[in-house]
Amino acid sequence: MANSAQARKRARQAENRRQLSASQRSTLRTFVKKVIKAIRSGDKEAAVEAFKTATPQIDRAANRGLIHANKAARHKSRLNAHIKAMG
Protein backbone atom coordinates (compact mmCIF):
# COMPACT_ATOMS: atom_id res chain seq x y z
CA MET A 1 0.00 0.00 0.00
CA ALA A 2 1.12 3.58 -0.66
CA ASN A 3 2.90 5.08 2.31
CA SER A 4 3.66 8.70 1.47
CA ALA A 5 1.00 11.35 1.00
CA GLN A 6 2.13 11.82 -2.60
CA ALA A 7 1.82 8.09 -3.33
CA ARG A 8 -1.65 7.95 -1.75
CA LYS A 9 -2.79 10.87 -3.90
CA ARG A 10 -1.35 9.29 -7.05
CA ALA A 11 -3.21 6.08 -6.22
CA ARG A 12 -6.47 8.02 -5.82
CA GLN A 13 -5.92 9.87 -9.09
CA ALA A 14 -5.07 6.67 -10.94
CA GLU A 15 -8.26 4.99 -9.70
CA ASN A 16 -10.42 7.98 -10.70
CA ARG A 17 -8.78 8.08 -14.13
CA ARG A 18 -9.25 4.32 -14.55
CA GLN A 19 -12.97 4.58 -13.79
CA LEU A 20 -13.42 7.55 -16.16
CA SER A 21 -11.54 5.78 -18.95
CA ALA A 22 -13.58 2.59 -18.43
CA SER A 23 -16.80 4.59 -18.73
CA GLN A 24 -15.63 6.38 -21.88
CA ARG A 25 -14.42 3.10 -23.42
CA SER A 26 -17.80 1.50 -22.71
CA THR A 27 -19.60 4.42 -24.37
CA LEU A 28 -17.33 4.13 -27.42
CA ARG A 29 -18.03 0.41 -27.75
CA THR A 30 -21.78 1.02 -27.48
CA PHE A 31 -21.68 3.47 -30.39
CA VAL A 32 -19.65 1.04 -32.51
CA LYS A 33 -22.01 -1.83 -31.66
CA LYS A 34 -25.00 0.27 -32.79
CA VAL A 35 -23.39 0.66 -36.22
CA ILE A 36 -22.60 -3.07 -36.43
CA LYS A 37 -26.17 -3.95 -35.41
CA ALA A 38 -27.59 -1.67 -38.11
CA ILE A 39 -25.26 -3.20 -40.71
CA ARG A 40 -26.26 -6.74 -39.75
CA SER A 41 -29.95 -5.86 -39.89
CA GLY A 42 -29.46 -4.76 -43.49
CA ASP A 43 -30.87 -1.26 -42.93
CA LYS A 44 -28.48 1.02 -44.80
CA GLU A 45 -30.19 4.25 -43.70
CA ALA A 46 -29.94 3.29 -40.02
CA ALA A 47 -26.34 2.19 -40.52
CA VAL A 48 -25.40 5.52 -42.11
CA GLU A 49 -27.06 7.45 -39.27
CA ALA A 50 -25.40 5.30 -36.61
CA PHE A 51 -22.06 5.75 -38.35
CA LYS A 52 -22.52 9.53 -38.43
CA THR A 53 -23.09 9.59 -34.67
CA ALA A 54 -20.28 7.11 -33.94
CA THR A 55 -17.59 8.89 -35.96
CA PRO A 56 -17.22 11.92 -33.63
CA GLN A 57 -17.22 9.60 -30.62
CA ILE A 58 -14.41 7.54 -32.13
CA ASP A 59 -12.42 10.69 -32.93
CA ARG A 60 -13.00 12.04 -29.42
CA ALA A 61 -11.72 8.80 -27.89
CA ALA A 62 -8.56 9.05 -30.00
CA ASN A 63 -8.01 12.70 -29.07
CA ARG A 64 -8.35 11.86 -25.39
CA GLY A 65 -5.77 9.10 -25.72
CA LEU A 66 -8.33 6.43 -24.89
CA ILE A 67 -7.50 4.57 -28.12
CA HIS A 68 -4.66 5.01 -30.61
CA ALA A 69 -5.29 7.25 -33.61
CA ASN A 70 -4.64 4.32 -35.98
CA LYS A 71 -7.24 2.21 -34.18
CA ALA A 72 -9.78 5.01 -34.56
CA ALA A 73 -9.01 5.28 -38.27
CA ARG A 74 -9.24 1.50 -38.66
CA HIS A 75 -12.65 1.38 -36.93
CA LYS A 76 -14.03 4.17 -39.13
CA SER A 77 -12.58 2.70 -42.31
CA ARG A 78 -13.90 -0.81 -41.72
CA LEU A 79 -17.35 0.32 -40.62
CA ASN A 80 -17.61 2.60 -43.65
CA ALA A 81 -16.48 -0.20 -45.96
CA HIS A 82 -19.19 -2.49 -44.56
CA ILE A 83 -21.83 0.21 -45.09
CA LYS A 84 -20.67 0.83 -48.68
CA ALA A 85 -20.79 -2.92 -49.37
CA MET A 86 -24.49 -2.95 -48.49
CA GLY A 87 -26.94 -2.92 -51.38
PDB file of N, CA and C in Angstrom:
ATOM      1  N   MET A   1       0.840  -1.192   0.000  1.00  0.00           N
ATOM      2  CA  MET A   1       0.000   0.000   0.000  1.00  0.00           C
ATOM      3  C   MET A   1       0.876   1.243   0.000  1.00  0.00           C
ATOM      4  N   ALA A   2       0.371   2.324  -0.580  1.00  0.00           N
ATOM      5  CA  ALA A   2       1.116   3.576  -0.663  1.00  0.00           C
ATOM      6  C   ALA A   2       1.341   4.157   0.729  1.00  0.00           C
ATOM      7  N   ASN A   3       2.563   4.577   0.975  1.00  0.00           N
ATOM      8  CA  ASN A   3       2.900   5.076   2.311  1.00  0.00           C
ATOM      9  C   ASN A   3       2.968   6.589   2.399  1.00  0.00           C
ATOM     10  N   SER A   4       3.549   7.250   1.403  1.00  0.00           N
ATOM     11  CA  SER A   4       3.663   8.705   1.468  1.00  0.00           C
ATOM     12  C   SER A   4       2.367   9.351   1.003  1.00  0.00           C
ATOM     13  N   ALA A   5       2.195  10.599   1.390  1.00  0.00           N
ATOM     14  CA  ALA A   5       0.997  11.350   0.998  1.00  0.00           C
ATOM     15  C   ALA A   5       0.924  11.468  -0.518  1.00  0.00           C
ATOM     16  N   GLN A   6       2.076  11.686  -1.140  1.00  0.00           N
ATOM     17  CA  GLN A   6       2.131  11.817  -2.598  1.00  0.00           C
ATOM     18  C   GLN A   6       1.692  10.512  -3.272  1.00  0.00           C
ATOM     19  N   ALA A   7       2.167   9.388  -2.744  1.00  0.00           N
ATOM     20  CA  ALA A   7       1.818   8.092  -3.329  1.00  0.00           C
ATOM     21  C   ALA A   7       0.340   7.780  -3.140  1.00  0.00           C
ATOM     22  N   ARG A   8      -0.205   8.162  -1.993  1.00  0.00           N
ATOM     23  CA  ARG A   8      -1.653   7.947  -1.755  1.00  0.00           C
ATOM     24  C   ARG A   8      -2.477   8.765  -2.736  1.00  0.00           C
ATOM     25  N   LYS A   9      -2.065  10.015  -2.959  1.00  0.00           N
ATOM     26  CA  LYS A   9      -2.789  10.872  -3.897  1.00  0.00           C
ATOM     27  C   LYS A   9      -2.704  10.316  -5.314  1.00  0.00           C
ATOM     28  N   ARG A  10      -1.508   9.861  -5.708  1.00  0.00           N
ATOM     29  CA  ARG A  10      -1.354   9.295  -7.047  1.00  0.00           C
ATOM     30  C   ARG A  10      -2.239   8.060  -7.217  1.00  0.00           C
ATOM     31  N   ALA A  11      -2.353   7.271  -6.163  1.00  0.00           N
ATOM     32  CA  ALA A  11      -3.207   6.075  -6.223  1.00  0.00           C
ATOM     33  C   ALA A  11      -4.665   6.481  -6.396  1.00  0.00           C
ATOM     34  N   ARG A  12      -5.085   7.527  -5.679  1.00  0.00           N
ATOM     35  CA  ARG A  12      -6.471   8.024  -5.818  1.00  0.00           C
ATOM     36  C   ARG A  12      -6.709   8.530  -7.239  1.00  0.00           C
ATOM     37  N   GLN A  13      -5.774   9.312  -7.744  1.00  0.00           N
ATOM     38  CA  GLN A  13      -5.915   9.873  -9.086  1.00  0.00           C
ATOM     39  C   GLN A  13      -5.958   8.770 -10.143  1.00  0.00           C
ATOM     40  N   ALA A  14      -5.109   7.773  -9.970  1.00  0.00           N
ATOM     41  CA  ALA A  14      -5.066   6.673 -10.938  1.00  0.00           C
ATOM     42  C   ALA A  14      -6.398   5.919 -10.949  1.00  0.00           C
ATOM     43  N   GLU A  15      -6.973   5.702  -9.787  1.00  0.00           N
ATOM     44  CA  GLU A  15      -8.259   4.992  -9.699  1.00  0.00           C
ATOM     45  C   GLU A  15      -9.375   5.803 -10.351  1.00  0.00           C
ATOM     46  N   ASN A  16      -9.399   7.116 -10.082  1.00  0.00           N
ATOM     47  CA  ASN A  16     -10.423   7.980 -10.696  1.00  0.00           C
ATOM     48  C   ASN A  16     -10.275   7.981 -12.212  1.00  0.00           C
ATOM     49  N   ARG A  17      -9.034   8.067 -12.685  1.00  0.00           N
ATOM     50  CA  ARG A  17      -8.780   8.077 -14.127  1.00  0.00           C
ATOM     51  C   ARG A  17      -9.180   6.752 -14.763  1.00  0.00           C
ATOM     52  N   ARG A  18      -8.892   5.648 -14.047  1.00  0.00           N
ATOM     53  CA  ARG A  18      -9.248   4.322 -14.554  1.00  0.00           C
ATOM     54  C   ARG A  18     -10.763   4.190 -14.713  1.00  0.00           C
ATOM     55  N   GLN A  19     -11.507   4.671 -13.719  1.00  0.00           N
ATOM     56  CA  GLN A  19     -12.967   4.583 -13.793  1.00  0.00           C
ATOM     57  C   GLN A  19     -13.523   5.449 -14.917  1.00  0.00           C
ATOM     58  N   LEU A  20     -12.975   6.655 -15.089  1.00  0.00           N
ATOM     59  CA  LEU A  20     -13.421   7.546 -16.155  1.00  0.00           C
ATOM     60  C   LEU A  20     -13.123   6.939 -17.525  1.00  0.00           C
ATOM     61  N   SER A  21     -11.921   6.393 -17.678  1.00  0.00           N
ATOM     62  CA  SER A  21     -11.535   5.776 -18.946  1.00  0.00           C
ATOM     63  C   SER A  21     -12.411   4.567 -19.260  1.00  0.00           C
ATOM     64  N   ALA A  22     -12.726   3.772 -18.225  1.00  0.00           N
ATOM     65  CA  ALA A  22     -13.579   2.594 -18.429  1.00  0.00           C
ATOM     66  C   ALA A  22     -14.959   3.009 -18.907  1.00  0.00           C
ATOM     67  N   SER A  23     -15.482   4.086 -18.334  1.00  0.00           N
ATOM     68  CA  SER A  23     -16.799   4.595 -18.732  1.00  0.00           C
ATOM     69  C   SER A  23     -16.770   5.085 -20.175  1.00  0.00           C
ATOM     70  N   GLN A  24     -15.746   5.848 -20.520  1.00  0.00           N
ATOM     71  CA  GLN A  24     -15.627   6.382 -21.878  1.00  0.00           C
ATOM     72  C   GLN A  24     -15.431   5.260 -22.892  1.00  0.00           C
ATOM     73  N   ARG A  25     -14.650   4.228 -22.529  1.00  0.00           N
ATOM     74  CA  ARG A  25     -14.420   3.095 -23.425  1.00  0.00           C
ATOM     75  C   ARG A  25     -15.726   2.332 -23.659  1.00  0.00           C
ATOM     76  N   SER A  26     -16.522   2.183 -22.600  1.00  0.00           N
ATOM     77  CA  SER A  26     -17.802   1.499 -22.712  1.00  0.00           C
ATOM     78  C   SER A  26     -18.744   2.261 -23.648  1.00  0.00           C
ATOM     79  N   THR A  27     -18.767   3.579 -23.504  1.00  0.00           N
ATOM     80  CA  THR A  27     -19.598   4.424 -24.372  1.00  0.00           C
ATOM     81  C   THR A  27     -19.173   4.278 -25.834  1.00  0.00           C
ATOM     82  N   LEU A  28     -17.866   4.290 -26.058  1.00  0.00           N
ATOM     83  CA  LEU A  28     -17.331   4.131 -27.416  1.00  0.00           C
ATOM     84  C   LEU A  28     -17.782   2.804 -28.016  1.00  0.00           C
ATOM     85  N   ARG A  29     -17.646   1.725 -27.253  1.00  0.00           N
ATOM     86  CA  ARG A  29     -18.027   0.405 -27.747  1.00  0.00           C
ATOM     87  C   ARG A  29     -19.517   0.335 -28.055  1.00  0.00           C
ATOM     88  N   THR A  30     -20.335   1.008 -27.242  1.00  0.00           N
ATOM     89  CA  THR A  30     -21.779   1.023 -27.480  1.00  0.00           C
ATOM     90  C   THR A  30     -22.092   1.668 -28.824  1.00  0.00           C
ATOM     91  N   PHE A  31     -21.446   2.790 -29.113  1.00  0.00           N
ATOM     92  CA  PHE A  31     -21.680   3.472 -30.390  1.00  0.00           C
ATOM     93  C   PHE A  31     -21.262   2.594 -31.567  1.00  0.00           C
ATOM     94  N   VAL A  32     -20.122   1.916 -31.438  1.00  0.00           N
ATOM     95  CA  VAL A  32     -19.648   1.042 -32.513  1.00  0.00           C
ATOM     96  C   VAL A  32     -20.602  -0.139 -32.701  1.00  0.00           C
ATOM     97  N   LYS A  33     -21.085  -0.697 -31.583  1.00  0.00           N
ATOM     98  CA  LYS A  33     -22.013  -1.829 -31.657  1.00  0.00           C
ATOM     99  C   LYS A  33     -23.325  -1.445 -32.335  1.00  0.00           C
ATOM    100  N   LYS A  34     -23.769  -0.201 -32.138  1.00  0.00           N
ATOM    101  CA  LYS A  34     -24.999   0.266 -32.789  1.00  0.00           C
ATOM    102  C   LYS A  34     -24.837   0.262 -34.307  1.00  0.00           C
ATOM    103  N   VAL A  35     -23.651   0.656 -34.777  1.00  0.00           N
ATOM    104  CA  VAL A  35     -23.386   0.656 -36.217  1.00  0.00           C
ATOM    105  C   VAL A  35     -23.378  -0.782 -36.730  1.00  0.00           C
ATOM    106  N   ILE A  36     -22.691  -1.667 -36.014  1.00  0.00           N
ATOM    107  CA  ILE A  36     -22.605  -3.072 -36.428  1.00  0.00           C
ATOM    108  C   ILE A  36     -23.989  -3.713 -36.461  1.00  0.00           C
ATOM    109  N   LYS A  37     -24.808  -3.404 -35.467  1.00  0.00           N
ATOM    110  CA  LYS A  37     -26.165  -3.953 -35.408  1.00  0.00           C
ATOM    111  C   LYS A  37     -26.989  -3.489 -36.610  1.00  0.00           C
ATOM    112  N   ALA A  38     -26.858  -2.210 -36.963  1.00  0.00           N
ATOM    113  CA  ALA A  38     -27.590  -1.673 -38.110  1.00  0.00           C
ATOM    114  C   ALA A  38     -27.109  -2.313 -39.410  1.00  0.00           C
ATOM    115  N   ILE A  39     -25.804  -2.565 -39.509  1.00  0.00           N
ATOM    116  CA  ILE A  39     -25.257  -3.202 -40.713  1.00  0.00           C
ATOM    117  C   ILE A  39     -25.800  -4.621 -40.839  1.00  0.00           C
ATOM    118  N   ARG A  40     -25.786  -5.358 -39.723  1.00  0.00           N
ATOM    119  CA  ARG A  40     -26.264  -6.745 -39.746  1.00  0.00           C
ATOM    120  C   ARG A  40     -27.751  -6.845 -40.029  1.00  0.00           C
ATOM    121  N   SER A  41     -28.515  -5.826 -39.633  1.00  0.00           N
ATOM    122  CA  SER A  41     -29.955  -5.859 -39.888  1.00  0.00           C
ATOM    123  C   SER A  41     -30.269  -5.572 -41.356  1.00  0.00           C
ATOM    124  N   GLY A  42     -29.270  -5.026 -42.074  1.00  0.00           N
ATOM    125  CA  GLY A  42     -29.459  -4.761 -43.495  1.00  0.00           C
ATOM    126  C   GLY A  42     -30.083  -3.405 -43.784  1.00  0.00           C
ATOM    127  N   ASP A  43     -30.262  -2.584 -42.763  1.00  0.00           N
ATOM    128  CA  ASP A  43     -30.874  -1.260 -42.928  1.00  0.00           C
ATOM    129  C   ASP A  43     -29.768  -0.227 -43.181  1.00  0.00           C
ATOM    130  N   LYS A  44     -29.573   0.120 -44.437  1.00  0.00           N
ATOM    131  CA  LYS A  44     -28.476   1.020 -44.797  1.00  0.00           C
ATOM    132  C   LYS A  44     -28.677   2.416 -44.216  1.00  0.00           C
ATOM    133  N   GLU A  45     -29.916   2.915 -44.235  1.00  0.00           N
ATOM    134  CA  GLU A  45     -30.192   4.255 -43.698  1.00  0.00           C
ATOM    135  C   GLU A  45     -29.826   4.334 -42.221  1.00  0.00           C
ATOM    136  N   ALA A  46     -30.237   3.321 -41.458  1.00  0.00           N
ATOM    137  CA  ALA A  46     -29.938   3.292 -40.023  1.00  0.00           C
ATOM    138  C   ALA A  46     -28.432   3.160 -39.801  1.00  0.00           C
ATOM    139  N   ALA A  47     -27.779   2.384 -40.642  1.00  0.00           N
ATOM    140  CA  ALA A  47     -26.336   2.194 -40.520  1.00  0.00           C
ATOM    141  C   ALA A  47     -25.587   3.500 -40.774  1.00  0.00           C
ATOM    142  N   VAL A  48     -26.028   4.235 -41.786  1.00  0.00           N
ATOM    143  CA  VAL A  48     -25.397   5.520 -42.105  1.00  0.00           C
ATOM    144  C   VAL A  48     -25.582   6.495 -40.944  1.00  0.00           C
ATOM    145  N   GLU A  49     -26.785   6.546 -40.392  1.00  0.00           N
ATOM    146  CA  GLU A  49     -27.063   7.448 -39.268  1.00  0.00           C
ATOM    147  C   GLU A  49     -26.237   7.063 -38.049  1.00  0.00           C
ATOM    148  N   ALA A  50     -26.177   5.776 -37.758  1.00  0.00           N
ATOM    149  CA  ALA A  50     -25.400   5.298 -36.612  1.00  0.00           C
ATOM    150  C   ALA A  50     -23.919   5.611 -36.813  1.00  0.00           C
ATOM    151  N   PHE A  51     -23.448   5.462 -38.047  1.00  0.00           N
ATOM    152  CA  PHE A  51     -22.055   5.752 -38.353  1.00  0.00           C
ATOM    153  C   PHE A  51     -21.751   7.239 -38.169  1.00  0.00           C
ATOM    154  N   LYS A  52     -22.702   8.086 -38.576  1.00  0.00           N
ATOM    155  CA  LYS A  52     -22.518   9.532 -38.428  1.00  0.00           C
ATOM    156  C   LYS A  52     -22.428   9.949 -36.964  1.00  0.00           C
ATOM    157  N   THR A  53     -23.163   9.262 -36.089  1.00  0.00           N
ATOM    158  CA  THR A  53     -23.091   9.591 -34.667  1.00  0.00           C
ATOM    159  C   THR A  53     -21.875   8.940 -34.002  1.00  0.00           C
ATOM    160  N   ALA A  54     -21.422   7.814 -34.534  1.00  0.00           N
ATOM    161  CA  ALA A  54     -20.283   7.111 -33.942  1.00  0.00           C
ATOM    162  C   ALA A  54     -18.948   7.760 -34.299  1.00  0.00           C
ATOM    163  N   THR A  55     -18.851   8.328 -35.487  1.00  0.00           N
ATOM    164  CA  THR A  55     -17.585   8.890 -35.960  1.00  0.00           C
ATOM    165  C   THR A  55     -17.005   9.954 -35.013  1.00  0.00           C
ATOM    166  N   PRO A  56     -17.790  10.946 -34.572  1.00  0.00           N
ATOM    167  CA  PRO A  56     -17.218  11.924 -33.630  1.00  0.00           C
ATOM    168  C   PRO A  56     -16.814  11.290 -32.298  1.00  0.00           C
ATOM    169  N   GLN A  57     -17.559  10.279 -31.880  1.00  0.00           N
ATOM    170  CA  GLN A  57     -17.223   9.601 -30.623  1.00  0.00           C
ATOM    171  C   GLN A  57     -15.885   8.872 -30.750  1.00  0.00           C
ATOM    172  N   ILE A  58     -15.674   8.240 -31.890  1.00  0.00           N
ATOM    173  CA  ILE A  58     -14.409   7.536 -32.129  1.00  0.00           C
ATOM    174  C   ILE A  58     -13.258   8.538 -32.156  1.00  0.00           C
ATOM    175  N   ASP A  59     -13.461   9.659 -32.852  1.00  0.00           N
ATOM    176  CA  ASP A  59     -12.423  10.692 -32.928  1.00  0.00           C
ATOM    177  C   ASP A  59     -12.123  11.270 -31.549  1.00  0.00           C
ATOM    178  N   ARG A  60     -13.164  11.488 -30.767  1.00  0.00           N
ATOM    179  CA  ARG A  60     -13.000  12.044 -29.424  1.00  0.00           C
ATOM    180  C   ARG A  60     -12.184  11.090 -28.545  1.00  0.00           C
ATOM    181  N   ALA A  61     -12.461   9.799 -28.669  1.00  0.00           N
ATOM    182  CA  ALA A  61     -11.720   8.804 -27.892  1.00  0.00           C
ATOM    183  C   ALA A  61     -10.243   8.820 -28.267  1.00  0.00           C
ATOM    184  N   ALA A  62      -9.957   8.993 -29.548  1.00  0.00           N
ATOM    185  CA  ALA A  62      -8.561   9.047 -30.000  1.00  0.00           C
ATOM    186  C   ALA A  62      -7.878  10.315 -29.498  1.00  0.00           C
ATOM    187  N   ASN A  63      -8.584  11.432 -29.538  1.00  0.00           N
ATOM    188  CA  ASN A  63      -8.007  12.697 -29.073  1.00  0.00           C
ATOM    189  C   ASN A  63      -7.718  12.668 -27.580  1.00  0.00           C
ATOM    190  N   ARG A  64      -8.537  11.957 -26.836  1.00  0.00           N
ATOM    191  CA  ARG A  64      -8.345  11.860 -25.390  1.00  0.00           C
ATOM    192  C   ARG A  64      -7.265  10.851 -25.020  1.00  0.00           C
ATOM    193  N   GLY A  65      -6.791  10.097 -25.997  1.00  0.00           N
ATOM    194  CA  GLY A  65      -5.774   9.102 -25.722  1.00  0.00           C
ATOM    195  C   GLY A  65      -6.356   7.791 -25.226  1.00  0.00           C
ATOM    196  N   LEU A  66      -7.658   7.646 -25.355  1.00  0.00           N
ATOM    197  CA  LEU A  66      -8.330   6.431 -24.895  1.00  0.00           C
ATOM    198  C   LEU A  66      -7.984   5.262 -25.820  1.00  0.00           C
ATOM    199  N   ILE A  67      -7.941   5.550 -27.126  1.00  0.00           N
ATOM    200  CA  ILE A  67      -7.502   4.571 -28.116  1.00  0.00           C
ATOM    201  C   ILE A  67      -6.484   5.258 -29.019  1.00  0.00           C
ATOM    202  N   HIS A  68      -5.674   4.468 -29.696  1.00  0.00           N
ATOM    203  CA  HIS A  68      -4.661   5.006 -30.606  1.00  0.00           C
ATOM    204  C   HIS A  68      -5.339   5.584 -31.841  1.00  0.00           C
ATOM    205  N   ALA A  69      -4.737   6.600 -32.416  1.00  0.00           N
ATOM    206  CA  ALA A  69      -5.290   7.246 -33.607  1.00  0.00           C
ATOM    207  C   ALA A  69      -5.479   6.255 -34.747  1.00  0.00           C
ATOM    208  N   ASN A  70      -4.524   5.314 -34.908  1.00  0.00           N
ATOM    209  CA  ASN A  70      -4.637   4.325 -35.981  1.00  0.00           C
ATOM    210  C   ASN A  70      -5.820   3.395 -35.747  1.00  0.00           C
ATOM    211  N   LYS A  71      -6.099   3.076 -34.488  1.00  0.00           N
ATOM    212  CA  LYS A  71      -7.236   2.208 -34.181  1.00  0.00           C
ATOM    213  C   LYS A  71      -8.536   2.935 -34.520  1.00  0.00           C
ATOM    214  N   ALA A  72      -8.590   4.222 -34.227  1.00  0.00           N
ATOM    215  CA  ALA A  72      -9.777   5.013 -34.558  1.00  0.00           C
ATOM    216  C   ALA A  72      -9.987   5.025 -36.070  1.00  0.00           C
ATOM    217  N   ALA A  73      -8.922   5.249 -36.812  1.00  0.00           N
ATOM    218  CA  ALA A  73      -9.008   5.280 -38.269  1.00  0.00           C
ATOM    219  C   ALA A  73      -9.437   3.919 -38.813  1.00  0.00           C
ATOM    220  N   ARG A  74      -8.898   2.851 -38.222  1.00  0.00           N
ATOM    221  CA  ARG A  74      -9.241   1.495 -38.660  1.00  0.00           C
ATOM    222  C   ARG A  74     -10.720   1.204 -38.416  1.00  0.00           C
ATOM    223  N   HIS A  75     -11.226   1.582 -37.240  1.00  0.00           N
ATOM    224  CA  HIS A  75     -12.645   1.384 -36.934  1.00  0.00           C
ATOM    225  C   HIS A  75     -13.522   2.100 -37.961  1.00  0.00           C
ATOM    226  N   LYS A  76     -13.225   3.382 -38.195  1.00  0.00           N
ATOM    227  CA  LYS A  76     -14.033   4.169 -39.126  1.00  0.00           C
ATOM    228  C   LYS A  76     -13.968   3.604 -40.533  1.00  0.00           C
ATOM    229  N   SER A  77     -12.768   3.224 -40.966  1.00  0.00           N
ATOM    230  CA  SER A  77     -12.583   2.705 -42.305  1.00  0.00           C
ATOM    231  C   SER A  77     -13.354   1.403 -42.523  1.00  0.00           C
ATOM    232  N   ARG A  78     -13.240   0.487 -41.574  1.00  0.00           N
ATOM    233  CA  ARG A  78     -13.900  -0.809 -41.725  1.00  0.00           C
ATOM    234  C   ARG A  78     -15.413  -0.693 -41.648  1.00  0.00           C
ATOM    235  N   LEU A  79     -15.909   0.132 -40.724  1.00  0.00           N
ATOM    236  CA  LEU A  79     -17.354   0.324 -40.621  1.00  0.00           C
ATOM    237  C   LEU A  79     -17.901   0.929 -41.911  1.00  0.00           C
ATOM    238  N   ASN A  80     -17.183   1.937 -42.412  1.00  0.00           N
ATOM    239  CA  ASN A  80     -17.613   2.603 -43.647  1.00  0.00           C
ATOM    240  C   ASN A  80     -17.587   1.632 -44.821  1.00  0.00           C
ATOM    241  N   ALA A  81     -16.588   0.778 -44.880  1.00  0.00           N
ATOM    242  CA  ALA A  81     -16.484  -0.203 -45.963  1.00  0.00           C
ATOM    243  C   ALA A  81     -17.666  -1.178 -45.910  1.00  0.00           C
ATOM    244  N   HIS A  82     -18.040  -1.587 -44.711  1.00  0.00           N
ATOM    245  CA  HIS A  82     -19.192  -2.489 -44.560  1.00  0.00           C
ATOM    246  C   HIS A  82     -20.486  -1.807 -45.028  1.00  0.00           C
ATOM    247  N   ILE A  83     -20.609  -0.523 -44.694  1.00  0.00           N
ATOM    248  CA  ILE A  83     -21.827   0.207 -45.093  1.00  0.00           C
ATOM    249  C   ILE A  83     -21.865   0.353 -46.621  1.00  0.00           C
ATOM    250  N   LYS A  84     -20.724   0.669 -47.225  1.00  0.00           N
ATOM    251  CA  LYS A  84     -20.669   0.828 -48.685  1.00  0.00           C
ATOM    252  C   LYS A  84     -20.939  -0.497 -49.399  1.00  0.00           C
ATOM    253  N   ALA A  85     -20.579  -1.599 -48.756  1.00  0.00           N
ATOM    254  CA  ALA A  85     -20.791  -2.916 -49.372  1.00  0.00           C
ATOM    255  C   ALA A  85     -22.249  -3.348 -49.341  1.00  0.00           C
ATOM    256  N   MET A  86     -23.049  -2.632 -48.541  1.00  0.00           N
ATOM    257  CA  MET A  86     -24.486  -2.953 -48.485  1.00  0.00           C
ATOM    258  C   MET A  86     -25.139  -2.540 -49.810  1.00  0.00           C
ATOM    259  N   GLY A  87     -26.243  -3.188 -50.126  1.00  0.00           N
ATOM    260  CA  GLY A  87     -26.937  -2.920 -51.381  1.00  0.00           C
ATOM    261  C   GLY A  87     -27.357  -1.554 -51.598  1.00  0.00           C
TER     262      GLY A  87
END
